[in-house]
Amino acid sequence: MPIIFVIVLLSALRYLEVGPFAALSWWWIAGLFVLAFVWFEFIERALGLDKRKEHKQAEKNRKDRIKRTLK
């Protein structure tokens, strides 16, 4: 997620031509877009990070449900 914030910040700074970012090539920003796309579409799935978050949430919900039932 931090890469998204960096992309948005760099895009805004480049668009507004602030300081040294005025000379920054749009290709660097486009490259970060590609990197973010590859990360979220392929690498995160390959490492199982997307499912890990879902499993943690499901486990928390299951424990909460057990607590409510036993009270």
C-alpha atoms as a PDB file:
ATOM      1  CA  MET A   1       0.000   0.000   0.000  1.00  0.00           C
ATOM      2  CA  PRO A   2       2.823   2.485   0.637  1.00  0.00           C
ATOM      3  CA  ILE A   3       3.797   2.265  -3.024  1.00  0.00           C
ATOM      4  CA  ILE A   4       0.368   3.660  -3.947  1.00  0.00           C
ATOM      5  CA  PHE A   5       0.947   6.679  -1.705  1.00  0.00           C
ATOM      6  CA  VAL A   6       4.370   7.229  -3.284  1.00  0.00           C
ATOM      7  CA  ILE A   7       2.883   7.044  -6.769  1.00  0.00           C
ATOM      8  CA  VAL A   8       0.150   9.546  -5.941  1.00  0.00           C
ATOM      9  CA  LEU A   9       2.611  11.894  -4.242  1.00  0.00           C
ATOM     10  CA  LEU A  10       5.128  11.741  -7.091  1.00  0.00           C
ATOM     11  CA  SER A  11       2.373  12.230  -9.658  1.00  0.00           C
ATOM     12  CA  ALA A  12       1.089  15.309  -7.845  1.00  0.00           C
ATOM     13  CA  LEU A  13       4.567  16.769  -7.395  1.00  0.00           C
ATOM     14  CA  ARG A  14       5.427  16.134 -11.041  1.00  0.00           C
ATOM     15  CA  TYR A  15       2.133  17.545 -12.293  1.00  0.00           C
ATOM     16  CA  LEU A  16       2.504  20.680 -10.167  1.00  0.00           C
ATOM     17  CA  GLU A  17       6.189  20.933 -11.173  1.00  0.00           C
ATOM     18  CA  VAL A  18       7.471  21.277  -7.627  1.00  0.00           C
ATOM     19  CA  GLY A  19      11.238  21.626  -7.148  1.00  0.00           C
ATOM     20  CA  PRO A  20      13.380  18.786  -8.496  1.00  0.00           C
ATOM     21  CA  PHE A  21      10.297  16.773  -9.392  1.00  0.00           C
ATOM     22  CA  ALA A  22       9.587  19.122 -12.285  1.00  0.00           C
ATOM     23  CA  ALA A  23      12.388  17.440 -14.236  1.00  0.00           C
ATOM     24  CA  LEU A  24      11.337  13.916 -13.224  1.00  0.00           C
ATOM     25  CA  SER A  25      10.392  11.806 -16.197  1.00  0.00           C
ATOM     26  CA  TRP A  26       6.848  10.443 -16.340  1.00  0.00           C
ATOM     27  CA  TRP A  27       8.417   7.081 -17.187  1.00  0.00           C
ATOM     28  CA  TRP A  28       9.575   6.708 -13.572  1.00  0.00           C
ATOM     29  CA  ILE A  29       6.027   7.189 -12.363  1.00  0.00           C
ATOM     30  CA  ALA A  30       4.658   4.859 -15.029  1.00  0.00           C
ATOM     31  CA  GLY A  31       7.252   2.299 -13.966  1.00  0.00           C
ATOM     32  CA  LEU A  32       6.000   2.515 -10.388  1.00  0.00           C
ATOM     33  CA  PHE A  33       2.450   1.973 -11.650  1.00  0.00           C
ATOM     34  CA  VAL A  34       3.607  -1.181 -13.429  1.00  0.00           C
ATOM     35  CA  LEU A  35       5.491  -2.330 -10.338  1.00  0.00           C
ATOM     36  CA  ALA A  36       2.405  -1.833  -8.157  1.00  0.00           C
ATOM     37  CA  PHE A  37       0.234  -3.701 -10.661  1.00  0.00           C
ATOM     38  CA  VAL A  38       2.638  -6.640 -10.822  1.00  0.00           C
ATOM     39  CA  TRP A  39       2.906  -6.727  -7.025  1.00  0.00           C
ATOM     40  CA  PHE A  40      -0.832  -6.728  -6.336  1.00  0.00           C
ATOM     41  CA  GLU A  41      -1.817  -9.010  -9.203  1.00  0.00           C
ATOM     42  CA  PHE A  42       0.936 -11.610  -9.220  1.00  0.00           C
ATOM     43  CA  ILE A  43       3.511 -11.482  -6.425  1.00  0.00           C
ATOM     44  CA  GLU A  44       1.052 -11.038  -3.566  1.00  0.00           C
ATOM     45  CA  ARG A  45      -0.981 -14.016  -4.810  1.00  0.00           C
ATOM     46  CA  ALA A  46       2.116 -16.134  -5.363  1.00  0.00           C
ATOM     47  CA  LEU A  47       3.291 -15.515  -1.797  1.00  0.00           C
ATOM     48  CA  GLY A  48      -0.190 -16.151  -0.418  1.00  0.00           C
ATOM     49  CA  LEU A  49      -0.407 -12.761   1.264  1.00  0.00           C
ATOM     50  CA  ASP A  50      -3.949 -12.133   0.050  1.00  0.00           C
ATOM     51  CA  LYS A  51      -5.254 -15.407   1.514  1.00  0.00           C
ATOM     52  CA  ARG A  52      -3.323 -14.981   4.756  1.00  0.00           C
ATOM     53  CA  LYS A  53      -5.256 -11.802   5.543  1.00  0.00           C
ATOM     54  CA  GLU A  54      -8.559 -13.550   4.824  1.00  0.00           C
ATOM     55  CA  HIS A  55      -7.628 -16.511   7.029  1.00  0.00           C
ATOM     56  CA  LYS A  56      -6.696 -14.250   9.938  1.00  0.00           C
ATOM     57  CA  GLN A  57     -10.025 -12.431   9.691  1.00  0.00           C
ATOM     58  CA  ALA A  58     -11.973 -15.708   9.445  1.00  0.00           C
ATOM     59  CA  GLU A  59     -10.152 -17.082  12.490  1.00  0.00           C
ATOM     60  CA  LYS A  60     -10.936 -13.932  14.478  1.00  0.00           C
ATOM     61  CA  ASN A  61     -14.602 -14.141  13.491  1.00  0.00           C
ATOM     62  CA  ARG A  62     -14.699 -17.822  14.514  1.00  0.00           C
ATOM     63  CA  LYS A  63     -13.199 -17.081  17.948  1.00  0.00           C
ATOM     64  CA  ASP A  64     -15.626 -14.187  18.486  1.00  0.00           C
ATOM     65  CA  ARG A  65     -18.546 -16.425  17.536  1.00  0.00           C
ATOM     66  CA  ILE A  66     -17.374 -19.098  20.029  1.00  0.00           C
ATOM     67  CA  LYS A  67     -17.061 -16.492  22.787  1.00  0.00           C
ATOM     68  CA  ARG A  68     -20.580 -15.196  22.120  1.00  0.00           C
ATOM     69  CA  THR A  69     -22.009 -18.722  22.103  1.00  0.00           C
ATOM     70  CA  LEU A  70     -20.376 -19.773  25.359  1.00  0.00           C
ATOM     71  CA  LYS A  71     -21.440 -16.681  27.300  1.00  0.00           C
END
